[in-house]
Amino acid sequence: MEIKVLEKDDSNMRFLVKGVDVQYVNTLRRLMLAEVPCMAIDEVVVIENSSVLQDEFIAHRLGLIPLKTNLDEYNLPEECPCKSEFGCNLCRVTLTLDAEAKEGTRTIYSGELISENPEIVPVKENIPIMKLTKGQKLKLEAYARLGRGKKHAKWQPVSLCAYKYFPKIEILEKNCDNCGKCVEICPRKVLAKTDGKVEVRDLMACTLCQDCVEACPKNPPAIQVKWEKNSFIFNLESTGALPPERIVKEALKILDGQLKEIEKQIR
């Protein structure tokens, strides 16, 4: 296997992987979506709510706010030694909210949630939760736990997780008259016409749509768009709960554990 990181920042990662089949990369994608755990608000106790929104509606909104996650400090509820449905400080984090509109209508934002652990907080402070009009109050306690995306989408650490074949574009110079029709029709600007000659400008942007092949007036077409077998471009966008590289590592760790379990069962 060969892996090359093409782009990476705090929330996005794009890498090229070669030497694996489509089943492997699809397994990796599904593990990131469904098995890699992250923190999310699971239960809400509403102490006071004089707004127009029902308690359940507010709880649903709170659950979908991404929380920064520390996988090394907390256990999954089903794996925690406390074995309690209420949880403990090893598997649960309490966040509180006490807001009131005193002078006029105001918006309640995620940054107003106060966590008992400064590391487990909303990834953004400006996520709107609701609005309160003058005199309305909202006071609650929210309990965040680790969970997996296969149970609920709020526990998915990724907002984008996809892959595509690595493209291979070949321009047959003997047949090409450099008319430029393939350049004009390409929606991703993969091709460019330089000094009267058609060239590949951005190979990674190709989506294998074949529009350029269909636009070519030659028969057979002077351009061929294919893909490399067992080579893929993987795109990953984190919700902010976990760094993208940690999500990849956790998915590989889970896959390794599952394979070892299969090996153990068939012996």
C-alpha atoms as a PDB file:
ATOM      1  CA  MET A   1       0.000   0.000   0.000  1.00  0.00           C
ATOM      2  CA  GLU A   2       1.154   3.516  -0.804  1.00  0.00           C
ATOM      3  CA  ILE A   3      -0.366   6.596   0.820  1.00  0.00           C
ATOM      4  CA  LYS A   4       0.344  10.214  -0.056  1.00  0.00           C
ATOM      5  CA  VAL A   5      -1.298  13.142   1.720  1.00  0.00           C
ATOM      6  CA  LEU A   6      -2.355  15.728  -0.864  1.00  0.00           C
ATOM      7  CA  GLU A   7      -3.991  18.314   1.413  1.00  0.00           C
ATOM      8  CA  LYS A   8      -4.487  18.600   5.156  1.00  0.00           C
ATOM      9  CA  ASP A   9      -5.629  21.237   7.621  1.00  0.00           C
ATOM     10  CA  ASP A  10      -7.508  21.307  10.921  1.00  0.00           C
ATOM     11  CA  SER A  11     -10.747  19.925   9.459  1.00  0.00           C
ATOM     12  CA  ASN A  12      -9.989  18.555   5.977  1.00  0.00           C
ATOM     13  CA  MET A  13      -7.782  15.820   4.638  1.00  0.00           C
ATOM     14  CA  ARG A  14      -7.273  14.588   1.100  1.00  0.00           C
ATOM     15  CA  PHE A  15      -4.957  11.685   0.384  1.00  0.00           C
ATOM     16  CA  LEU A  16      -4.045   9.314  -2.406  1.00  0.00           C
ATOM     17  CA  VAL A  17      -4.009   5.605  -1.626  1.00  0.00           C
ATOM     18  CA  LYS A  18      -2.619   3.004  -4.009  1.00  0.00           C
ATOM     19  CA  GLY A  19      -2.333  -0.760  -3.885  1.00  0.00           C
ATOM     20  CA  VAL A  20      -5.757  -1.498  -2.344  1.00  0.00           C
ATOM     21  CA  ASP A  21      -9.062  -2.565  -3.868  1.00  0.00           C
ATOM     22  CA  VAL A  22     -12.386  -0.766  -3.751  1.00  0.00           C
ATOM     23  CA  GLN A  23     -13.680  -3.029  -0.972  1.00  0.00           C
ATOM     24  CA  TYR A  24     -10.911  -1.830   1.342  1.00  0.00           C
ATOM     25  CA  VAL A  25     -11.462   1.913   0.826  1.00  0.00           C
ATOM     26  CA  ASN A  26     -15.232   1.480   1.101  1.00  0.00           C
ATOM     27  CA  THR A  27     -14.769  -0.380   4.383  1.00  0.00           C
ATOM     28  CA  LEU A  28     -12.595   2.472   5.625  1.00  0.00           C
ATOM     29  CA  ARG A  29     -15.265   4.983   4.605  1.00  0.00           C
ATOM     30  CA  ARG A  30     -18.036   3.064   6.377  1.00  0.00           C
ATOM     31  CA  LEU A  31     -15.970   2.730   9.557  1.00  0.00           C
ATOM     32  CA  MET A  32     -15.376   6.493   9.659  1.00  0.00           C
ATOM     33  CA  LEU A  33     -19.089   7.126   9.282  1.00  0.00           C
ATOM     34  CA  ALA A  34     -20.475   4.444  11.570  1.00  0.00           C
ATOM     35  CA  GLU A  35     -17.846   3.187  14.018  1.00  0.00           C
ATOM     36  CA  VAL A  36     -15.410   5.968  14.986  1.00  0.00           C
ATOM     37  CA  PRO A  37     -16.862   7.434  18.219  1.00  0.00           C
ATOM     38  CA  CYS A  38     -17.182  11.081  19.173  1.00  0.00           C
ATOM     39  CA  MET A  39     -18.954  13.184  21.805  1.00  0.00           C
ATOM     40  CA  ALA A  40     -22.527  14.458  21.422  1.00  0.00           C
ATOM     41  CA  ILE A  41     -25.247  15.606  23.788  1.00  0.00           C
ATOM     42  CA  ASP A  42     -27.404  12.572  24.524  1.00  0.00           C
ATOM     43  CA  GLU A  43     -29.740  13.667  27.307  1.00  0.00           C
ATOM     44  CA  VAL A  44     -31.120  17.068  28.325  1.00  0.00           C
ATOM     45  CA  VAL A  45     -32.822  18.014  31.588  1.00  0.00           C
ATOM     46  CA  VAL A  46     -34.815  21.216  31.085  1.00  0.00           C
ATOM     47  CA  ILE A  47     -35.162  23.128  34.344  1.00  0.00           C
ATOM     48  CA  GLU A  48     -36.955  26.185  32.966  1.00  0.00           C
ATOM     49  CA  ASN A  49     -38.218  26.920  29.473  1.00  0.00           C
ATOM     50  CA  SER A  50     -40.574  29.827  28.812  1.00  0.00           C
ATOM     51  CA  SER A  51     -39.762  30.041  25.097  1.00  0.00           C
ATOM     52  CA  VAL A  52     -42.100  29.044  22.266  1.00  0.00           C
ATOM     53  CA  LEU A  53     -40.065  25.915  21.475  1.00  0.00           C
ATOM     54  CA  GLN A  54     -40.843  22.566  23.067  1.00  0.00           C
ATOM     55  CA  ASP A  55     -38.225  20.880  25.274  1.00  0.00           C
ATOM     56  CA  GLU A  56     -37.795  18.006  22.798  1.00  0.00           C
ATOM     57  CA  PHE A  57     -37.119  20.392  19.920  1.00  0.00           C
ATOM     58  CA  ILE A  58     -34.408  22.183  21.892  1.00  0.00           C
ATOM     59  CA  ALA A  59     -32.841  18.869  22.943  1.00  0.00           C
ATOM     60  CA  HIS A  60     -32.712  17.760  19.313  1.00  0.00           C
ATOM     61  CA  ARG A  61     -30.911  20.953  18.328  1.00  0.00           C
ATOM     62  CA  LEU A  62     -28.425  20.587  21.159  1.00  0.00           C
ATOM     63  CA  GLY A  63     -27.660  17.003  20.132  1.00  0.00           C
ATOM     64  CA  LEU A  64     -26.617  18.109  16.654  1.00  0.00           C
ATOM     65  CA  ILE A  65     -24.024  20.615  17.908  1.00  0.00           C
ATOM     66  CA  PRO A  66     -20.564  19.066  17.260  1.00  0.00           C
ATOM     67  CA  LEU A  67     -18.443  18.796  20.395  1.00  0.00           C
ATOM     68  CA  LYS A  68     -14.672  18.603  20.610  1.00  0.00           C
ATOM     69  CA  THR A  69     -13.765  15.085  21.677  1.00  0.00           C
ATOM     70  CA  ASN A  70     -10.986  13.560  23.746  1.00  0.00           C
ATOM     71  CA  LEU A  71     -11.033   9.813  23.059  1.00  0.00           C
ATOM     72  CA  ASP A  72      -8.174   9.162  25.476  1.00  0.00           C
ATOM     73  CA  GLU A  73     -10.045  10.464  28.557  1.00  0.00           C
ATOM     74  CA  TYR A  74     -13.514   8.998  28.138  1.00  0.00           C
ATOM     75  CA  ASN A  75     -15.046   5.559  27.710  1.00  0.00           C
ATOM     76  CA  LEU A  76     -17.992   4.485  25.631  1.00  0.00           C
ATOM     77  CA  PRO A  77     -20.969   4.062  28.014  1.00  0.00           C
ATOM     78  CA  GLU A  78     -21.204   0.335  27.307  1.00  0.00           C
ATOM     79  CA  GLU A  79     -17.480  -0.117  28.056  1.00  0.00           C
ATOM     80  CA  CYS A  80     -17.267   2.068  31.170  1.00  0.00           C
ATOM     81  CA  PRO A  81     -16.506   0.279  34.484  1.00  0.00           C
ATOM     82  CA  CYS A  82     -19.300   2.234  36.216  1.00  0.00           C
ATOM     83  CA  LYS A  83     -21.986   0.215  34.349  1.00  0.00           C
ATOM     84  CA  SER A  84     -24.478   2.943  35.267  1.00  0.00           C
ATOM     85  CA  GLU A  85     -27.239   4.270  33.034  1.00  0.00           C
ATOM     86  CA  PHE A  86     -26.549   7.725  34.481  1.00  0.00           C
ATOM     87  CA  GLY A  87     -22.829   7.576  33.721  1.00  0.00           C
ATOM     88  CA  CYS A  88     -19.816   8.875  35.629  1.00  0.00           C
ATOM     89  CA  ASN A  89     -16.947  11.294  35.081  1.00  0.00           C
ATOM     90  CA  LEU A  90     -15.248   8.678  32.879  1.00  0.00           C
ATOM     91  CA  CYS A  91     -18.097   8.414  30.376  1.00  0.00           C
ATOM     92  CA  ARG A  92     -20.191  11.568  30.731  1.00  0.00           C
ATOM     93  CA  VAL A  93     -19.683  15.337  30.521  1.00  0.00           C
ATOM     94  CA  THR A  94     -22.184  17.842  31.892  1.00  0.00           C
ATOM     95  CA  LEU A  95     -22.898  21.096  30.081  1.00  0.00           C
ATOM     96  CA  THR A  96     -25.180  23.795  31.482  1.00  0.00           C
ATOM     97  CA  LEU A  97     -27.070  26.662  29.897  1.00  0.00           C
ATOM     98  CA  ASP A  98     -28.717  29.542  31.753  1.00  0.00           C
ATOM     99  CA  ALA A  99     -29.965  32.264  29.407  1.00  0.00           C
ATOM    100  CA  GLU A 100     -32.517  35.060  29.679  1.00  0.00           C
ATOM    101  CA  ALA A 101     -33.692  37.835  27.374  1.00  0.00           C
ATOM    102  CA  LYS A 102     -33.856  40.890  29.640  1.00  0.00           C
ATOM    103  CA  GLU A 103     -34.019  43.810  27.230  1.00  0.00           C
ATOM    104  CA  GLY A 104     -35.297  42.414  23.932  1.00  0.00           C
ATOM    105  CA  THR A 105     -35.120  39.506  21.505  1.00  0.00           C
ATOM    106  CA  ARG A 106     -31.776  37.724  21.556  1.00  0.00           C
ATOM    107  CA  THR A 107     -30.270  34.617  19.995  1.00  0.00           C
ATOM    108  CA  ILE A 108     -28.812  31.867  22.174  1.00  0.00           C
ATOM    109  CA  TYR A 109     -25.557  30.503  20.746  1.00  0.00           C
ATOM    110  CA  SER A 110     -23.546  27.343  21.377  1.00  0.00           C
ATOM    111  CA  GLY A 111     -20.819  29.382  23.075  1.00  0.00           C
ATOM    112  CA  GLU A 112     -23.174  29.920  26.023  1.00  0.00           C
ATOM    113  CA  LEU A 113     -23.032  26.230  26.917  1.00  0.00           C
ATOM    114  CA  ILE A 114     -20.749  25.882  29.954  1.00  0.00           C
ATOM    115  CA  SER A 115     -18.907  22.549  30.157  1.00  0.00           C
ATOM    116  CA  GLU A 116     -17.452  20.990  33.273  1.00  0.00           C
ATOM    117  CA  ASN A 117     -14.495  19.968  31.091  1.00  0.00           C
ATOM    118  CA  PRO A 118     -12.924  22.844  29.107  1.00  0.00           C
ATOM    119  CA  GLU A 119     -11.771  20.330  26.491  1.00  0.00           C
ATOM    120  CA  ILE A 120     -15.303  19.116  25.704  1.00  0.00           C
ATOM    121  CA  VAL A 121     -16.976  22.192  24.235  1.00  0.00           C
ATOM    122  CA  PRO A 122     -18.820  23.055  21.002  1.00  0.00           C
ATOM    123  CA  VAL A 123     -16.460  23.255  18.032  1.00  0.00           C
ATOM    124  CA  LYS A 124     -17.893  26.690  17.190  1.00  0.00           C
ATOM    125  CA  GLU A 125     -19.238  29.345  19.556  1.00  0.00           C
ATOM    126  CA  ASN A 126     -21.586  30.954  17.025  1.00  0.00           C
ATOM    127  CA  ILE A 127     -23.949  28.031  16.273  1.00  0.00           C
ATOM    128  CA  PRO A 128     -27.487  29.395  16.888  1.00  0.00           C
ATOM    129  CA  ILE A 129     -29.660  27.295  19.180  1.00  0.00           C
ATOM    130  CA  MET A 130     -32.826  29.398  19.436  1.00  0.00           C
ATOM    131  CA  LYS A 131     -34.214  32.898  20.032  1.00  0.00           C
ATOM    132  CA  LEU A 132     -35.706  34.294  23.208  1.00  0.00           C
ATOM    133  CA  THR A 133     -37.981  37.314  23.346  1.00  0.00           C
ATOM    134  CA  LYS A 134     -38.052  39.780  26.249  1.00  0.00           C
ATOM    135  CA  GLY A 135     -38.771  38.055  29.536  1.00  0.00           C
ATOM    136  CA  GLN A 136     -38.246  34.492  28.285  1.00  0.00           C
ATOM    137  CA  LYS A 137     -35.769  32.143  29.965  1.00  0.00           C
ATOM    138  CA  LEU A 138     -34.024  28.871  29.215  1.00  0.00           C
ATOM    139  CA  LYS A 139     -32.204  26.890  31.870  1.00  0.00           C
ATOM    140  CA  LEU A 140     -31.033  23.321  31.368  1.00  0.00           C
ATOM    141  CA  GLU A 141     -28.407  20.649  31.954  1.00  0.00           C
ATOM    142  CA  ALA A 142     -27.125  18.587  29.046  1.00  0.00           C
ATOM    143  CA  TYR A 143     -25.174  15.332  29.272  1.00  0.00           C
ATOM    144  CA  ALA A 144     -22.723  14.433  26.527  1.00  0.00           C
ATOM    145  CA  ARG A 145     -21.471  10.912  25.909  1.00  0.00           C
ATOM    146  CA  LEU A 146     -19.398   9.056  23.376  1.00  0.00           C
ATOM    147  CA  GLY A 147     -21.353   7.247  20.712  1.00  0.00           C
ATOM    148  CA  ARG A 148     -21.131   5.831  17.208  1.00  0.00           C
ATOM    149  CA  GLY A 149     -22.679   7.058  13.994  1.00  0.00           C
ATOM    150  CA  LYS A 150     -24.442   3.740  13.395  1.00  0.00           C
ATOM    151  CA  LYS A 151     -26.730   4.614  16.301  1.00  0.00           C
ATOM    152  CA  HIS A 152     -27.382   8.272  15.418  1.00  0.00           C
ATOM    153  CA  ALA A 153     -25.962  10.764  12.913  1.00  0.00           C
ATOM    154  CA  LYS A 154     -25.045  13.176  15.731  1.00  0.00           C
ATOM    155  CA  TRP A 155     -22.202  10.799  16.598  1.00  0.00           C
ATOM    156  CA  GLN A 156     -20.656  10.918  13.132  1.00  0.00           C
ATOM    157  CA  PRO A 157     -17.253  12.643  13.356  1.00  0.00           C
ATOM    158  CA  VAL A 158     -17.289  13.438   9.630  1.00  0.00           C
ATOM    159  CA  SER A 159     -19.487  15.686   7.512  1.00  0.00           C
ATOM    160  CA  LEU A 160     -17.903  14.437   4.287  1.00  0.00           C
ATOM    161  CA  CYS A 161     -16.329  11.053   3.679  1.00  0.00           C
ATOM    162  CA  ALA A 162     -15.952   9.935   0.072  1.00  0.00           C
ATOM    163  CA  TYR A 163     -13.514   8.474  -2.407  1.00  0.00           C
ATOM    164  CA  LYS A 164     -13.097   8.292  -6.157  1.00  0.00           C
ATOM    165  CA  TYR A 165     -10.848   6.451  -8.583  1.00  0.00           C
ATOM    166  CA  PHE A 166      -7.595   8.147  -9.483  1.00  0.00           C
ATOM    167  CA  PRO A 167      -8.175   9.524 -13.000  1.00  0.00           C
ATOM    168  CA  LYS A 168      -5.983   8.901 -16.024  1.00  0.00           C
ATOM    169  CA  ILE A 169      -6.372  11.208 -19.029  1.00  0.00           C
ATOM    170  CA  GLU A 170      -4.681  10.544 -22.340  1.00  0.00           C
ATOM    171  CA  ILE A 171      -4.707  12.997 -25.248  1.00  0.00           C
ATOM    172  CA  LEU A 172      -3.977  11.307 -28.586  1.00  0.00           C
ATOM    173  CA  GLU A 173      -1.916  13.999 -30.281  1.00  0.00           C
ATOM    174  CA  LYS A 174      -2.015  12.297 -33.687  1.00  0.00           C
ATOM    175  CA  ASN A 175      -5.816  12.530 -33.818  1.00  0.00           C
ATOM    176  CA  CYS A 176      -6.268  15.803 -31.886  1.00  0.00           C
ATOM    177  CA  ASP A 177      -6.647  19.004 -33.920  1.00  0.00           C
ATOM    178  CA  ASN A 178      -6.674  21.120 -30.716  1.00  0.00           C
ATOM    179  CA  CYS A 179     -10.152  22.506 -31.404  1.00  0.00           C
ATOM    180  CA  GLY A 180     -10.630  23.121 -27.681  1.00  0.00           C
ATOM    181  CA  LYS A 181     -14.194  21.791 -27.382  1.00  0.00           C
ATOM    182  CA  CYS A 182     -13.145  19.407 -24.616  1.00  0.00           C
ATOM    183  CA  VAL A 183     -11.616  22.350 -22.730  1.00  0.00           C
ATOM    184  CA  GLU A 184     -14.780  24.442 -23.010  1.00  0.00           C
ATOM    185  CA  ILE A 185     -17.194  21.765 -21.799  1.00  0.00           C
ATOM    186  CA  CYS A 186     -15.218  20.562 -18.766  1.00  0.00           C
ATOM    187  CA  PRO A 187     -17.051  21.895 -15.649  1.00  0.00           C
ATOM    188  CA  ARG A 188     -14.017  21.392 -13.388  1.00  0.00           C
ATOM    189  CA  LYS A 189     -11.464  23.086 -15.681  1.00  0.00           C
ATOM    190  CA  VAL A 190      -9.327  19.951 -15.777  1.00  0.00           C
ATOM    191  CA  LEU A 191      -8.073  20.754 -19.275  1.00  0.00           C
ATOM    192  CA  ALA A 192      -6.479  23.905 -20.650  1.00  0.00           C
ATOM    193  CA  LYS A 193      -5.414  25.151 -24.039  1.00  0.00           C
ATOM    194  CA  THR A 194      -1.870  26.453 -23.903  1.00  0.00           C
ATOM    195  CA  ASP A 195      -0.046  27.796 -26.975  1.00  0.00           C
ATOM    196  CA  GLY A 196      -2.748  26.252 -29.138  1.00  0.00           C
ATOM    197  CA  LYS A 197      -2.323  22.819 -27.572  1.00  0.00           C
ATOM    198  CA  VAL A 198      -4.757  20.944 -25.276  1.00  0.00           C
ATOM    199  CA  GLU A 199      -3.128  19.851 -22.022  1.00  0.00           C
ATOM    200  CA  VAL A 200      -4.157  18.451 -18.657  1.00  0.00           C
ATOM    201  CA  ARG A 201      -4.163  21.321 -16.151  1.00  0.00           C
ATOM    202  CA  ASP A 202      -5.604  19.768 -12.957  1.00  0.00           C
ATOM    203  CA  LEU A 203      -5.793  15.979 -13.043  1.00  0.00           C
ATOM    204  CA  MET A 204      -7.015  15.671  -9.426  1.00  0.00           C
ATOM    205  CA  ALA A 205     -10.140  17.704 -10.214  1.00  0.00           C
ATOM    206  CA  CYS A 206     -11.378  15.183 -12.795  1.00  0.00           C
ATOM    207  CA  THR A 207     -14.625  13.429 -11.823  1.00  0.00           C
ATOM    208  CA  LEU A 208     -14.528  10.906 -14.703  1.00  0.00           C
ATOM    209  CA  CYS A 209     -17.736  12.382 -16.133  1.00  0.00           C
ATOM    210  CA  GLN A 210     -16.625  11.720 -19.760  1.00  0.00           C
ATOM    211  CA  ASP A 211     -18.069  15.059 -20.986  1.00  0.00           C
ATOM    212  CA  CYS A 212     -14.809  15.912 -22.718  1.00  0.00           C
ATOM    213  CA  VAL A 213     -14.806  12.571 -24.551  1.00  0.00           C
ATOM    214  CA  GLU A 214     -18.381  13.091 -25.752  1.00  0.00           C
ATOM    215  CA  ALA A 215     -17.611  16.651 -26.884  1.00  0.00           C
ATOM    216  CA  CYS A 216     -14.681  15.604 -29.067  1.00  0.00           C
ATOM    217  CA  PRO A 217     -15.729  15.760 -32.763  1.00  0.00           C
ATOM    218  CA  LYS A 218     -13.212  13.096 -33.774  1.00  0.00           C
ATOM    219  CA  ASN A 219     -14.207   9.467 -34.286  1.00  0.00           C
ATOM    220  CA  PRO A 220     -12.743   7.760 -32.388  1.00  0.00           C
ATOM    221  CA  PRO A 221     -12.301  10.590 -29.822  1.00  0.00           C
ATOM    222  CA  ALA A 222      -8.843  12.107 -29.513  1.00  0.00           C
ATOM    223  CA  ILE A 223      -9.092  12.099 -25.727  1.00  0.00           C
ATOM    224  CA  GLN A 224      -9.516   9.134 -23.391  1.00  0.00           C
ATOM    225  CA  VAL A 225     -10.554   9.321 -19.751  1.00  0.00           C
ATOM    226  CA  LYS A 226      -9.939   6.221 -17.652  1.00  0.00           C
ATOM    227  CA  TRP A 227      -8.937   5.405 -14.106  1.00  0.00           C
ATOM    228  CA  GLU A 228      -6.124   3.556 -12.429  1.00  0.00           C
ATOM    229  CA  LYS A 229      -7.144   0.253 -10.931  1.00  0.00           C
ATOM    230  CA  ASN A 230      -6.587   0.032  -7.162  1.00  0.00           C
ATOM    231  CA  SER A 231      -5.763   3.757  -6.866  1.00  0.00           C
ATOM    232  CA  PHE A 232      -8.126   6.146  -5.090  1.00  0.00           C
ATOM    233  CA  ILE A 233      -8.404   9.738  -3.925  1.00  0.00           C
ATOM    234  CA  PHE A 234      -9.986   9.897  -0.481  1.00  0.00           C
ATOM    235  CA  ASN A 235     -11.688  13.078   0.783  1.00  0.00           C
ATOM    236  CA  LEU A 236     -12.427  13.543   4.462  1.00  0.00           C
ATOM    237  CA  GLU A 237     -14.004  16.510   6.225  1.00  0.00           C
ATOM    238  CA  SER A 238     -14.250  16.450  10.009  1.00  0.00           C
ATOM    239  CA  THR A 239     -17.099  18.076  11.927  1.00  0.00           C
ATOM    240  CA  GLY A 240     -14.417  19.423  14.247  1.00  0.00           C
ATOM    241  CA  ALA A 241     -15.012  16.775  16.904  1.00  0.00           C
ATOM    242  CA  LEU A 242     -11.741  15.028  16.020  1.00  0.00           C
ATOM    243  CA  PRO A 243      -8.756  15.949  13.834  1.00  0.00           C
ATOM    244  CA  PRO A 244      -9.039  14.265  10.410  1.00  0.00           C
ATOM    245  CA  GLU A 245      -5.848  12.251  10.884  1.00  0.00           C
ATOM    246  CA  ARG A 246      -7.180  10.891  14.203  1.00  0.00           C
ATOM    247  CA  ILE A 247     -10.378   9.772  12.471  1.00  0.00           C
ATOM    248  CA  VAL A 248      -8.340   7.802   9.909  1.00  0.00           C
ATOM    249  CA  LYS A 249      -6.189   6.218  12.628  1.00  0.00           C
ATOM    250  CA  GLU A 250      -9.228   5.223  14.706  1.00  0.00           C
ATOM    251  CA  ALA A 251     -10.918   3.679  11.658  1.00  0.00           C
ATOM    252  CA  LEU A 252      -7.815   1.604  10.913  1.00  0.00           C
ATOM    253  CA  LYS A 253      -7.586   0.585  14.566  1.00  0.00           C
ATOM    254  CA  ILE A 254     -11.218  -0.572  14.542  1.00  0.00           C
ATOM    255  CA  LEU A 255     -10.700  -2.482  11.296  1.00  0.00           C
ATOM    256  CA  ASP A 256      -7.655  -4.216  12.746  1.00  0.00           C
ATOM    257  CA  GLY A 257      -9.656  -5.218  15.821  1.00  0.00           C
ATOM    258  CA  GLN A 258     -12.502  -6.594  13.739  1.00  0.00           C
ATOM    259  CA  LEU A 259     -10.136  -8.664  11.595  1.00  0.00           C
ATOM    260  CA  LYS A 260      -8.465 -10.091  14.687  1.00  0.00           C
ATOM    261  CA  GLU A 261     -11.879 -11.034  16.075  1.00  0.00           C
ATOM    262  CA  ILE A 262     -12.731 -12.844  12.836  1.00  0.00           C
ATOM    263  CA  GLU A 263      -9.417 -14.672  12.965  1.00  0.00           C
ATOM    264  CA  LYS A 264     -10.099 -15.673  16.564  1.00  0.00           C
ATOM    265  CA  GLN A 265     -13.596 -16.968  15.755  1.00  0.00           C
ATOM    266  CA  ILE A 266     -12.540 -19.176  12.837  1.00  0.00           C
ATOM    267  CA  ARG A 267      -9.700 -20.927  14.656  1.00  0.00           C
END
